[in-house]
Amino acid sequence: MSRDSEEGVGRVKAPNRRSGEIFARVIDIYGNDRMRVFCEDGKHRIGRIRGKIKKRVWIRKGDLIVVNPWDWETETKDKLGKCEITWRYKKNEISWLQRRGKIPELLDLNNIPV
């Protein structure tokens, strides 16, 4: 039996870079399925929970998530860009990703600029 199956980690979803998905952290929760997220590219965005996972997953402040930034949204300096939240990682998946060095240091909870 391998170590991964003992911890309950089967497959861990990685962001699909070809379709534009990136890692992000939840900073604030606004309600109405909207949140402020800090993405691995260093930008703050307004994230919207995707309809497919809306009723199935509870997302809290500080969670590691996968987002898909909207490329059709024109960003201005006084208005935040938008993105769609497509996945939330559980604690055991986050520790698995950290051990393998997949999570950027920018997304460490202590490094996030507010």
Protein backbone atom coordinates (compact mmCIF):
# COMPACT_ATOMS: atom_id res chain seq x y z
CA MET A 1 0.00 0.00 0.00
CA SER A 2 1.46 3.38 -0.96
CA ARG A 3 1.63 6.43 1.26
CA ASP A 4 -0.79 8.35 -0.92
CA SER A 5 -3.59 5.81 -0.55
CA GLU A 6 -3.11 5.75 3.25
CA GLU A 7 -3.75 9.49 3.42
CA GLY A 8 -6.80 9.27 1.21
CA VAL A 9 -5.29 11.21 -1.69
CA GLY A 10 -6.10 9.56 -4.98
CA ARG A 11 -5.84 11.96 -7.86
CA VAL A 12 -5.20 15.63 -7.22
CA LYS A 13 -6.48 18.03 -9.87
CA ALA A 14 -3.86 20.37 -11.26
CA PRO A 15 -4.80 23.62 -13.00
CA ASN A 16 -5.18 23.13 -16.75
CA ARG A 17 -2.69 25.73 -17.99
CA ARG A 18 -3.80 25.38 -21.62
CA SER A 19 -7.30 26.57 -20.77
CA GLY A 20 -5.91 29.37 -18.56
CA GLU A 21 -6.58 27.91 -15.09
CA ILE A 22 -4.36 29.09 -12.22
CA PHE A 23 -4.05 28.66 -8.44
CA ALA A 24 -5.59 31.30 -6.15
CA ARG A 25 -6.43 31.93 -2.48
CA VAL A 26 -9.74 33.25 -1.14
CA ILE A 27 -9.22 36.56 0.68
CA ASP A 28 -12.76 37.83 1.32
CA ILE A 29 -16.25 36.45 0.93
CA TYR A 30 -18.81 38.94 -0.40
CA GLY A 31 -21.86 36.67 -0.56
CA ASN A 32 -24.07 35.82 -3.52
CA ASP A 33 -21.43 33.26 -4.68
CA ARG A 34 -18.79 35.98 -5.10
CA MET A 35 -15.38 36.23 -3.44
CA ARG A 36 -12.22 38.28 -3.60
CA VAL A 37 -9.31 36.06 -4.62
CA PHE A 38 -5.56 36.57 -4.96
CA CYS A 39 -4.21 34.72 -8.00
CA GLU A 40 -0.76 33.28 -8.60
CA ASP A 41 -0.10 35.92 -11.27
CA GLY A 42 -0.16 38.56 -8.49
CA LYS A 43 -3.58 40.07 -9.26
CA HIS A 44 -6.66 40.44 -7.10
CA ARG A 45 -9.89 39.39 -8.80
CA ILE A 46 -13.57 38.88 -8.04
CA GLY A 47 -14.27 35.15 -8.21
CA ARG A 48 -17.66 33.63 -8.96
CA ILE A 49 -18.40 30.05 -7.92
CA ARG A 50 -19.13 27.91 -10.95
CA GLY A 51 -22.70 26.59 -11.08
CA LYS A 52 -21.60 22.96 -11.26
CA ILE A 53 -19.92 23.11 -7.82
CA LYS A 54 -22.08 25.79 -6.20
CA LYS A 55 -24.25 23.48 -4.09
CA ARG A 56 -21.62 20.75 -3.56
CA VAL A 57 -18.64 22.66 -2.15
CA TRP A 58 -18.30 25.10 0.74
CA ILE A 59 -15.53 27.62 0.12
CA ARG A 60 -14.08 29.49 3.09
CA LYS A 61 -11.65 32.35 3.58
CA GLY A 62 -8.06 31.17 3.06
CA ASP A 63 -8.93 28.16 0.89
CA LEU A 64 -6.68 27.19 -2.02
CA ILE A 65 -8.71 27.12 -5.22
CA VAL A 66 -8.36 26.89 -8.99
CA VAL A 67 -9.72 29.82 -10.98
CA ASN A 68 -10.20 30.55 -14.65
CA PRO A 69 -9.74 34.30 -15.33
CA TRP A 70 -12.14 35.90 -17.75
CA ASP A 71 -10.16 36.98 -20.79
CA TRP A 72 -13.11 38.81 -22.37
CA GLU A 73 -13.40 41.17 -19.37
CA THR A 74 -11.57 44.46 -19.97
CA GLU A 75 -9.55 45.34 -16.87
CA THR A 76 -9.34 48.93 -15.72
CA LYS A 77 -7.21 50.31 -12.90
CA ASP A 78 -10.15 51.10 -10.59
CA LYS A 79 -12.10 47.89 -11.27
CA LEU A 80 -11.00 44.35 -10.37
CA GLY A 81 -10.91 41.64 -13.02
CA LYS A 82 -13.23 38.67 -12.74
CA CYS A 83 -12.75 34.92 -12.75
CA GLU A 84 -14.65 31.69 -12.28
CA ILE A 85 -13.86 29.37 -9.36
CA THR A 86 -13.70 25.82 -10.71
CA TRP A 87 -12.15 23.76 -7.89
CA ARG A 88 -11.41 23.81 -4.14
CA TYR A 89 -8.64 21.75 -2.59
CA LYS A 90 -9.06 19.80 0.66
CA LYS A 91 -6.42 19.88 3.40
CA ASN A 92 -4.83 16.55 2.48
CA GLU A 93 -4.63 17.59 -1.20
CA ILE A 94 -2.95 20.88 -0.22
CA SER A 95 -0.32 19.07 1.86
CA TRP A 96 0.31 16.68 -1.06
CA LEU A 97 0.79 19.63 -3.43
CA GLN A 98 3.09 21.40 -0.94
CA ARG A 99 5.31 18.35 -0.51
CA ARG A 100 5.80 18.19 -4.26
CA GLY A 101 6.38 21.95 -4.62
CA LYS A 102 3.42 22.58 -6.92
CA ILE A 103 1.99 25.59 -5.03
CA PRO A 104 3.75 28.92 -5.73
CA GLU A 105 5.28 30.63 -2.66
CA LEU A 106 3.33 33.77 -3.54
CA LEU A 107 0.16 31.98 -2.40
CA ASP A 108 1.43 31.21 1.11
CA LEU A 109 -1.14 32.72 3.47
CA ASN A 110 1.53 34.91 5.15
CA ASN A 111 2.78 36.38 1.84
CA ILE A 112 -0.52 37.61 0.38
CA PRO A 113 -0.72 41.40 0.06
CA VAL A 114 -4.11 42.79 1.02
